[in-house]
Amino acid sequence: MDIDIHKFKDIDPGERVLMGPGPSNVPPRVIQAMSAPCVGYLDPYFLSVMDETQSLLRFLFQTQNPLTIPVSGTGTAGMETCLANLVEPGEEVVVCVNGFFGSRMADIVRRLGGQLIRVDADWGRAIDPEVVQKAVQGRSPKLLAVVHAETSTGVRQPLEELASVAHNSGALFLVDMVTSLGGMEVAVDSTGIDAAYSGSQKCISCPPGLAPISFSPAAMKALESRNGPVPSFYLDMSMVRSYWGAERKYHHTAPINMIYALREALRIIAEEGLETRFIRHQLNHRALVAGIEAMGLVMLVPEPERLPTLNAIRIPEGVDDTRVRKALLDDFGIEIGGGLGDLRGKIWRVGLMGHTCRRKNVLMFLSALETVLKSEGIKVKTGAIEAASAVYGGT
C-alpha cells in the first residue's frame, strides 16, 4: 500500500490555555524532562528515578505507605486498580454517587461481581454522611468508596466523617483524588484513607498517562488475603509492587519518559510547598467566582461544597453552550469543559489546576467570557475584572 508522506505535517496544535476539567497546562521543565534520553526499565539510573518518584509521591499524598506508586495508565486505571485489587465477587461495596465518576466506580464494582450498595445524592451536592451511615447499618462492607473532588460537578466532598463511617463498619476507605491531589489538602494518613488514586494530568500538571495510587497497610493486608487472584493481570499490585520494590522483578515495561515527567512535576510541587500551593488554588478560585458572580452568572455548587480546582458555572438561559466554548477556543485559545450526563448543556466546567491556576489566566478568562457572551447578545453585568482584582488586592 502506497502512502503520501507529505500529507503528514509536524505536530503543532498551537498554544492553548487549558482551563477545562483536564489536562492542565504542563510546565516547560516537565516537557524538558520527558524529552531526556530513554533508558531501559532496569537501568540503574532509572531505578534511582523510580525511588525518587515514590518519595515525592509519598510527600504529596502525605503518607508513609510503602505502596505509593504511579500506575501505568490514566486516572481511570487508578480507579480500576484500587477496586480490582480490593474487591472480590460477592463482597459488599458501598459507593457514594453524586456525579459521573462515582457512577463509574459503581459500574466497575458490578463488573467485578461485588455486591453494590449505592448511596446517591443530587449532582452538585456533597454526600450526607448520615445517609451513608444508614446504608451500612447492619452490614459488613469490604469497602466504602467516594470521590473527593467530583470532576463532573465541581463538588468537594468532606472526608473525615466518611472515614469514620467506613472504619466503624469494618470497611476500607477508598478515595478518588483525581481532581484534588496537588491542588488541595488530601492527607492520606491523618484522614484515615486506605486506598487512593489520582491522575498525572490535573493538579500535578504532568501529561496524561500515569495514575498515582497509595495503599495503606490495611489495604495491603486485604490484597494479600484474597481468596482468588486479582482479575486484571496488568493492574495486579501483588505483582507490580515487586517491580517498584527492592526485588525489581519485571512485570511490564514502565513508561520511562512519562515517569521522568512525573518526577519533575512532583519536584516542582515540592519546591513550591504544599501549603503555599493549596493557598494559591484557593485564592484563584475565589477570584474567579467573584468575577463570575459580578457578571450576574451563578455557580452550580453551594459555596461550602465548592472545589477550588474545578468550577461549575450555570449556563445562562438562551446561551448556546457549544458556540461559547468554540469561540473561547478559536478566538482566545482558552479551553473549558461542558457538562456531563444530566448536566450536559447546563454548566461550564472551568479548571484551575496546577500550572494553569494563575492570576493572569483567571483575568484573561473572565475578560474573554464577557466578550463572547456580549457577542452572543447576552446581557451581562460589567465589573468582573474589578471584582476578581479586589480579591487579589486583599491578599
Protein backbone atom coordinates (compact mmCIF):
# COMPACT_ATOMS: atom_id res chain seq x y z
CA MET A 1 0.00 0.00 0.00
CA ASP A 2 1.37 3.41 -1.01
CA ILE A 3 1.21 6.41 1.28
CA ASP A 4 1.78 10.10 0.61
CA ILE A 5 4.11 11.04 3.43
CA HIS A 6 3.82 14.74 2.54
CA LYS A 7 0.26 14.76 3.88
CA PHE A 8 1.58 14.24 7.38
CA LYS A 9 2.75 17.54 8.83
CA ASP A 10 4.62 18.31 12.04
CA ILE A 11 2.58 18.16 15.23
CA ASP A 12 1.61 21.73 16.09
CA PRO A 13 -1.68 22.20 17.96
CA GLY A 14 -0.91 25.84 18.72
CA GLU A 15 -0.98 27.45 22.13
CA ARG A 16 -3.84 26.64 24.47
CA VAL A 17 -4.76 27.79 27.95
CA LEU A 18 -6.17 24.56 29.35
CA MET A 19 -8.93 25.62 31.73
CA GLY A 20 -11.19 22.62 31.26
CA PRO A 21 -11.57 19.56 33.51
CA GLY A 22 -8.13 18.32 32.48
CA PRO A 23 -5.45 18.13 31.37
CA SER A 24 -3.91 21.29 32.71
CA ASN A 25 -1.01 23.15 31.15
CA VAL A 26 2.36 21.44 31.55
CA PRO A 27 5.39 23.44 32.77
CA PRO A 28 8.34 23.64 30.34
CA ARG A 29 10.54 21.86 32.89
CA VAL A 30 8.27 18.82 32.74
CA ILE A 31 8.31 18.76 28.93
CA GLN A 32 12.09 19.02 29.02
CA ALA A 33 12.37 16.16 31.49
CA MET A 34 10.13 14.00 29.34
CA SER A 35 12.44 14.53 26.37
CA ALA A 36 15.51 13.16 28.20
CA PRO A 37 17.08 10.04 26.66
CA CYS A 38 15.11 6.86 27.18
CA VAL A 39 16.86 4.07 29.07
CA GLY A 40 15.95 0.51 29.98
CA TYR A 41 13.37 -0.25 32.64
CA LEU A 42 16.09 -1.85 34.82
CA ASP A 43 18.78 0.70 34.06
CA PRO A 44 20.44 1.82 37.35
CA TYR A 45 19.71 5.46 36.55
CA PHE A 46 16.02 4.76 36.02
CA LEU A 47 15.82 2.71 39.21
CA SER A 48 17.02 5.77 41.12
CA VAL A 49 14.38 7.88 39.36
CA MET A 50 11.74 5.35 40.45
CA ASP A 51 12.85 5.61 44.07
CA GLU A 52 12.78 9.42 43.96
CA THR A 53 9.36 9.41 42.32
CA GLN A 54 7.98 7.22 45.10
CA SER A 55 9.42 9.52 47.78
CA LEU A 56 7.91 12.58 46.11
CA LEU A 57 4.55 10.85 45.77
CA ARG A 58 4.55 9.99 49.47
CA PHE A 59 5.23 13.66 50.19
CA LEU A 60 2.30 14.69 48.00
CA PHE A 61 -0.14 12.08 49.35
CA GLN A 62 1.15 12.90 52.87
CA THR A 63 1.65 9.23 53.67
CA GLN A 64 4.21 6.67 54.76
CA ASN A 65 2.57 3.89 52.75
CA PRO A 66 5.26 1.75 51.03
CA LEU A 67 2.96 1.01 48.07
CA THR A 68 2.72 4.53 46.73
CA ILE A 69 3.47 4.38 43.02
CA PRO A 70 2.32 5.64 39.61
CA VAL A 71 0.23 3.05 37.77
CA SER A 72 0.94 2.88 34.04
CA GLY A 73 -2.36 4.30 32.81
CA THR A 74 -4.69 7.26 33.21
CA GLY A 75 -6.81 8.11 36.24
CA THR A 76 -9.41 5.52 35.29
CA ALA A 77 -6.67 2.88 35.50
CA GLY A 78 -6.05 4.10 39.04
CA MET A 79 -9.74 3.68 39.82
CA GLU A 80 -9.81 0.18 38.40
CA THR A 81 -6.55 -0.72 40.15
CA CYS A 82 -7.94 0.10 43.58
CA LEU A 83 -11.24 -1.68 43.03
CA ALA A 84 -9.88 -4.74 41.21
CA ASN A 85 -7.25 -5.37 43.89
CA LEU A 86 -9.54 -4.88 46.87
CA VAL A 87 -12.93 -6.25 45.76
CA GLU A 88 -13.81 -9.92 45.27
CA PRO A 89 -17.06 -11.41 43.96
CA GLY A 90 -19.91 -11.28 46.47
CA GLU A 91 -18.29 -8.71 48.76
CA GLU A 92 -20.36 -5.70 49.78
CA VAL A 93 -19.06 -2.38 48.49
CA VAL A 94 -20.59 0.99 49.36
CA VAL A 95 -20.16 3.55 46.58
CA CYS A 96 -21.17 7.18 47.08
CA VAL A 97 -22.53 8.61 43.83
CA ASN A 98 -23.12 12.31 43.26
CA GLY A 99 -21.67 12.63 39.78
CA PHE A 100 -20.27 10.91 36.72
CA PHE A 101 -17.19 9.39 38.33
CA GLY A 102 -18.99 7.97 41.33
CA SER A 103 -21.25 6.24 38.80
CA ARG A 104 -18.17 4.85 37.07
CA MET A 105 -16.92 3.33 40.33
CA ALA A 106 -20.31 1.69 40.82
CA ASP A 107 -20.09 0.23 37.30
CA ILE A 108 -16.67 -1.27 37.97
CA VAL A 109 -17.88 -2.83 41.25
CA ARG A 110 -20.68 -4.57 39.33
CA ARG A 111 -18.23 -5.83 36.70
CA LEU A 112 -16.06 -7.30 39.47
CA GLY A 113 -19.02 -9.19 40.90
CA GLY A 114 -19.18 -7.11 44.05
CA GLN A 115 -22.47 -6.57 45.87
CA LEU A 116 -23.06 -2.89 45.24
CA ILE A 117 -24.59 -0.69 47.95
CA ARG A 118 -25.13 2.60 46.15
CA VAL A 119 -25.66 5.86 48.08
CA ASP A 120 -26.86 8.68 45.82
CA ALA A 121 -27.02 12.44 46.19
CA ASP A 122 -28.03 15.16 43.76
CA TRP A 123 -25.39 16.05 41.19
CA GLY A 124 -23.94 19.29 42.50
CA ARG A 125 -24.20 18.42 46.19
CA ALA A 126 -21.97 16.56 48.66
CA ILE A 127 -22.87 13.16 50.11
CA ASP A 128 -24.51 13.30 53.56
CA PRO A 129 -22.51 11.06 55.97
CA GLU A 130 -25.69 10.26 57.90
CA VAL A 131 -27.21 8.71 54.77
CA VAL A 132 -24.08 6.61 54.34
CA GLN A 133 -24.24 5.57 57.99
CA LYS A 134 -27.80 4.31 57.47
CA ALA A 135 -26.71 2.42 54.35
CA VAL A 136 -24.02 0.46 56.24
CA GLN A 137 -26.15 -0.22 59.31
CA GLY A 138 -26.23 -3.96 59.97
CA ARG A 139 -23.87 -4.69 57.10
CA SER A 140 -20.20 -5.64 56.82
CA PRO A 141 -18.94 -3.89 53.69
CA LYS A 142 -15.44 -4.60 52.42
CA LEU A 143 -15.01 -1.10 51.04
CA LEU A 144 -16.55 2.36 51.19
CA ALA A 145 -15.67 4.46 48.13
CA VAL A 146 -16.18 8.16 47.44
CA VAL A 147 -14.98 10.84 45.04
CA HIS A 148 -13.21 13.63 46.91
CA ALA A 149 -13.33 16.09 44.01
CA GLU A 150 -16.16 15.26 41.61
CA THR A 151 -14.89 16.49 38.26
CA SER A 152 -18.32 16.38 36.65
CA THR A 153 -19.92 18.82 39.09
CA GLY A 154 -17.25 20.75 40.98
CA VAL A 155 -18.27 19.33 44.36
CA ARG A 156 -15.78 18.96 47.22
CA GLN A 157 -16.65 16.04 49.48
CA PRO A 158 -15.61 16.31 53.15
CA LEU A 159 -13.82 13.08 54.06
CA GLU A 160 -13.34 12.87 57.81
CA GLU A 161 -16.85 11.75 58.76
CA LEU A 162 -16.99 9.25 55.91
CA ALA A 163 -13.64 7.81 57.02
CA SER A 164 -15.15 7.23 60.48
CA VAL A 165 -18.26 5.61 58.99
CA ALA A 166 -16.06 3.29 56.92
CA HIS A 167 -13.78 2.21 59.75
CA ASN A 168 -16.57 1.85 62.29
CA SER A 169 -18.27 -0.57 59.91
CA GLY A 170 -15.04 -2.50 59.35
CA ALA A 171 -14.62 -1.25 55.78
CA LEU A 172 -11.60 0.05 53.94
CA PHE A 173 -11.92 3.69 52.86
CA LEU A 174 -11.23 4.37 49.16
CA VAL A 175 -10.95 7.93 47.83
CA ASP A 176 -10.82 9.26 44.26
CA MET A 177 -8.38 12.20 44.31
CA VAL A 178 -8.07 12.73 40.57
CA THR A 179 -9.02 16.42 40.65
CA SER A 180 -7.73 17.27 44.12
CA LEU A 181 -4.26 15.75 44.60
CA GLY A 182 -1.75 18.57 44.26
CA GLY A 183 -4.36 21.33 44.46
CA MET A 184 -5.93 20.94 47.88
CA GLU A 185 -5.42 19.16 51.18
CA VAL A 186 -5.64 15.36 50.83
CA ALA A 187 -3.67 13.97 53.74
CA VAL A 188 -3.92 10.19 53.35
CA ASP A 189 -2.54 9.03 56.70
CA SER A 190 -4.11 11.57 59.05
CA THR A 191 -7.51 11.31 57.31
CA GLY A 192 -7.56 7.52 57.56
CA ILE A 193 -7.65 6.76 53.85
CA ASP A 194 -6.83 3.16 52.96
CA ALA A 195 -6.64 3.42 49.18
CA ALA A 196 -6.34 6.49 47.00
CA TYR A 197 -5.80 7.17 43.33
CA SER A 198 -5.28 10.21 41.15
CA GLY A 199 -4.14 11.23 37.67
CA SER A 200 -0.97 12.86 36.47
CA GLN A 201 -2.66 15.43 34.22
CA LYS A 202 -4.64 17.67 36.55
CA CYS A 203 -3.26 19.48 39.62
CA ILE A 204 0.07 17.69 39.22
CA SER A 205 0.44 19.26 35.73
CA CYS A 206 2.10 16.33 34.03
CA PRO A 207 0.83 14.94 30.70
CA PRO A 208 -1.91 12.30 30.95
CA GLY A 209 -0.79 8.71 31.25
CA LEU A 210 0.02 7.90 34.87
CA ALA A 211 -2.22 7.25 37.87
CA PRO A 212 -0.60 7.74 41.28
CA ILE A 213 -2.02 5.34 43.88
CA SER A 214 -1.40 4.65 47.57
CA PHE A 215 -2.42 1.59 49.63
CA SER A 216 -2.39 1.58 53.44
CA PRO A 217 -1.14 -1.43 55.43
CA ALA A 218 -4.79 -2.46 55.91
CA ALA A 219 -5.37 -2.35 52.15
CA MET A 220 -2.20 -4.39 51.58
CA LYS A 221 -3.39 -6.96 54.10
CA ALA A 222 -6.70 -7.22 52.23
CA LEU A 223 -4.83 -7.68 48.96
CA GLU A 224 -2.62 -10.40 50.43
CA SER A 225 -5.66 -12.16 51.95
CA ARG A 226 -7.64 -12.50 48.74
CA ASN A 227 -9.35 -15.83 48.05
CA GLY A 228 -8.57 -15.57 44.34
CA PRO A 229 -6.17 -13.73 42.06
CA VAL A 230 -6.68 -10.11 41.07
CA PRO A 231 -8.80 -10.29 37.90
CA SER A 232 -6.54 -7.89 35.99
CA PHE A 233 -3.02 -9.16 35.32
CA TYR A 234 -1.80 -5.73 34.24
CA LEU A 235 -3.12 -3.95 37.34
CA ASP A 236 -2.29 -6.67 39.88
CA MET A 237 -0.47 -4.79 42.63
CA SER A 238 0.70 -8.01 44.27
CA MET A 239 2.99 -8.35 41.25
CA VAL A 240 3.57 -4.71 40.24
CA ARG A 241 4.85 -3.85 43.73
CA SER A 242 7.70 -6.31 43.24
CA TYR A 243 9.00 -4.16 40.38
CA TRP A 244 8.72 -0.93 42.36
CA GLY A 245 10.15 -2.59 45.49
CA ALA A 246 13.59 -3.97 46.32
CA GLU A 247 13.13 -7.10 44.16
CA ARG A 248 12.92 -5.13 40.88
CA LYS A 249 11.01 -8.07 39.44
CA TYR A 250 9.82 -7.44 35.88
CA HIS A 251 6.08 -7.14 35.37
CA HIS A 252 5.59 -4.80 32.42
CA THR A 253 7.71 -2.20 30.67
CA ALA A 254 7.34 1.05 32.55
CA PRO A 255 6.65 4.27 30.59
CA ILE A 256 10.16 5.57 31.23
CA ASN A 257 9.84 9.09 29.89
CA MET A 258 6.44 9.67 31.47
CA ILE A 259 7.95 8.82 34.83
CA TYR A 260 10.74 11.32 34.14
CA ALA A 261 7.98 13.88 33.57
CA LEU A 262 6.08 12.93 36.73
CA ARG A 263 9.20 13.15 38.85
CA GLU A 264 9.87 16.68 37.59
CA ALA A 265 6.24 17.76 38.13
CA LEU A 266 6.40 16.43 41.68
CA ARG A 267 9.71 18.21 42.23
CA ILE A 268 8.07 21.49 41.20
CA ILE A 269 5.27 20.86 43.71
CA ALA A 270 7.76 20.15 46.50
CA GLU A 271 9.68 23.34 45.66
CA GLU A 272 6.51 25.41 45.95
CA GLY A 273 5.41 23.68 49.15
CA LEU A 274 2.03 22.09 49.75
CA GLU A 275 0.53 24.82 51.93
CA THR A 276 1.60 27.57 49.53
CA ARG A 277 0.20 25.59 46.61
CA PHE A 278 -3.14 25.00 48.29
CA ILE A 279 -3.44 28.69 49.18
CA ARG A 280 -2.73 29.62 45.54
CA HIS A 281 -5.50 27.37 44.27
CA GLN A 282 -7.99 28.71 46.80
CA LEU A 283 -7.12 32.34 46.04
CA ASN A 284 -7.52 31.99 42.29
CA HIS A 285 -10.78 30.09 42.79
CA ARG A 286 -12.16 32.91 44.96
CA ALA A 287 -11.17 35.49 42.36
CA LEU A 288 -12.79 33.51 39.57
CA VAL A 289 -16.05 33.12 41.49
CA ALA A 290 -16.08 36.81 42.37
CA GLY A 291 -15.74 37.70 38.70
CA ILE A 292 -18.38 35.22 37.58
CA GLU A 293 -20.89 36.46 40.13
CA ALA A 294 -20.11 40.09 39.27
CA MET A 295 -21.22 39.28 35.71
CA GLY A 296 -24.53 38.07 37.09
CA LEU A 297 -23.78 34.40 36.46
CA VAL A 298 -24.39 31.68 39.06
CA MET A 299 -22.26 28.81 40.34
CA LEU A 300 -23.78 25.32 40.43
CA VAL A 301 -22.42 24.25 43.82
CA PRO A 302 -23.15 25.97 47.15
CA GLU A 303 -20.12 27.83 48.48
CA PRO A 304 -19.19 25.45 51.35
CA GLU A 305 -19.07 22.46 48.98
CA ARG A 306 -17.20 24.02 46.05
CA LEU A 307 -13.94 22.74 44.69
CA PRO A 308 -11.18 25.31 44.17
CA THR A 309 -9.79 23.23 41.31
CA LEU A 310 -12.94 22.72 39.18
CA ASN A 311 -15.55 25.47 38.96
CA ALA A 312 -19.04 24.65 37.64
CA ILE A 313 -20.87 27.68 36.24
CA ARG A 314 -24.56 27.53 35.32
CA ILE A 315 -25.09 28.44 31.67
CA PRO A 316 -27.49 31.38 31.39
CA GLU A 317 -30.81 30.74 29.70
CA GLY A 318 -30.66 31.24 25.95
CA VAL A 319 -26.90 30.74 25.70
CA ASP A 320 -25.57 28.17 23.23
CA ASP A 321 -23.05 26.12 25.22
CA THR A 322 -21.12 24.81 22.23
CA ARG A 323 -20.88 28.18 20.47
CA VAL A 324 -19.46 29.87 23.55
CA ARG A 325 -16.85 27.18 24.17
CA LYS A 326 -15.88 27.19 20.48
CA ALA A 327 -15.48 30.97 20.49
CA LEU A 328 -13.33 30.86 23.60
CA LEU A 329 -11.08 28.29 21.94
CA ASP A 330 -10.97 29.80 18.45
CA ASP A 331 -10.68 33.46 19.42
CA PHE A 332 -8.78 33.32 22.70
CA GLY A 333 -7.11 29.91 22.81
CA ILE A 334 -8.94 29.05 26.05
CA GLU A 335 -10.35 25.56 26.56
CA ILE A 336 -13.13 24.98 29.07
CA GLY A 337 -15.38 21.95 29.51
CA GLY A 338 -19.11 21.37 29.14
CA GLY A 339 -21.38 19.35 31.37
CA LEU A 340 -21.66 15.57 31.51
CA GLY A 341 -24.76 13.40 31.82
CA ASP A 342 -27.78 15.28 33.15
CA LEU A 343 -25.70 18.47 33.29
CA ARG A 344 -24.87 18.43 29.58
CA GLY A 345 -25.64 21.86 28.14
CA LYS A 346 -26.38 23.23 31.62
CA ILE A 347 -22.94 24.06 33.03
CA TRP A 348 -19.46 25.09 32.03
CA ARG A 349 -16.61 23.38 33.87
CA VAL A 350 -13.64 25.69 34.40
CA GLY A 351 -10.48 24.15 35.74
CA LEU A 352 -7.91 25.96 37.88
CA MET A 353 -5.36 23.22 38.35
CA GLY A 354 -1.64 23.18 38.86
CA HIS A 355 0.34 25.22 36.32
CA THR A 356 -2.89 26.64 34.85
CA CYS A 357 -4.00 28.06 38.20
CA ARG A 358 -2.63 31.58 37.76
CA ARG A 359 -3.93 35.09 38.20
CA LYS A 360 -3.33 36.01 34.57
CA ASN A 361 -5.40 33.06 33.39
CA VAL A 362 -8.29 33.93 35.70
CA LEU A 363 -8.39 37.53 34.50
CA MET A 364 -7.98 36.54 30.85
CA PHE A 365 -10.81 34.00 31.08
CA LEU A 366 -13.19 36.46 32.74
CA SER A 367 -12.49 39.08 30.09
CA ALA A 368 -12.84 36.57 27.26
CA LEU A 369 -16.08 35.11 28.61
CA GLU A 370 -17.61 38.56 28.98
CA THR A 371 -16.60 39.42 25.42
CA VAL A 372 -18.01 36.19 23.98
CA LEU A 373 -21.30 36.43 25.86
CA LYS A 374 -21.81 40.02 24.71
CA SER A 375 -21.09 38.99 21.13
CA GLU A 376 -23.81 36.35 21.50
CA GLY A 377 -26.26 39.06 22.51
CA ILE A 378 -26.32 38.05 26.17
CA LYS A 379 -26.60 40.88 28.67
CA VAL A 380 -24.04 40.53 31.42
CA LYS A 381 -23.08 42.96 34.13
CA THR A 382 -19.75 44.74 33.99
CA GLY A 383 -17.15 44.70 36.74
CA ALA A 384 -15.90 41.11 36.59
CA ILE A 385 -12.23 42.12 36.38
CA GLU A 386 -12.65 44.65 39.17
CA ALA A 387 -14.31 42.04 41.42
CA ALA A 388 -11.58 39.48 40.79
CA SER A 389 -8.86 42.09 41.25
CA ALA A 390 -10.38 43.09 44.58
CA VAL A 391 -9.88 39.52 45.80
CA TYR A 392 -6.24 39.64 44.76
CA GLY A 393 -5.83 43.10 46.27
CA GLY A 394 -6.88 41.80 49.66
CA THR A 395 -4.02 39.29 49.84
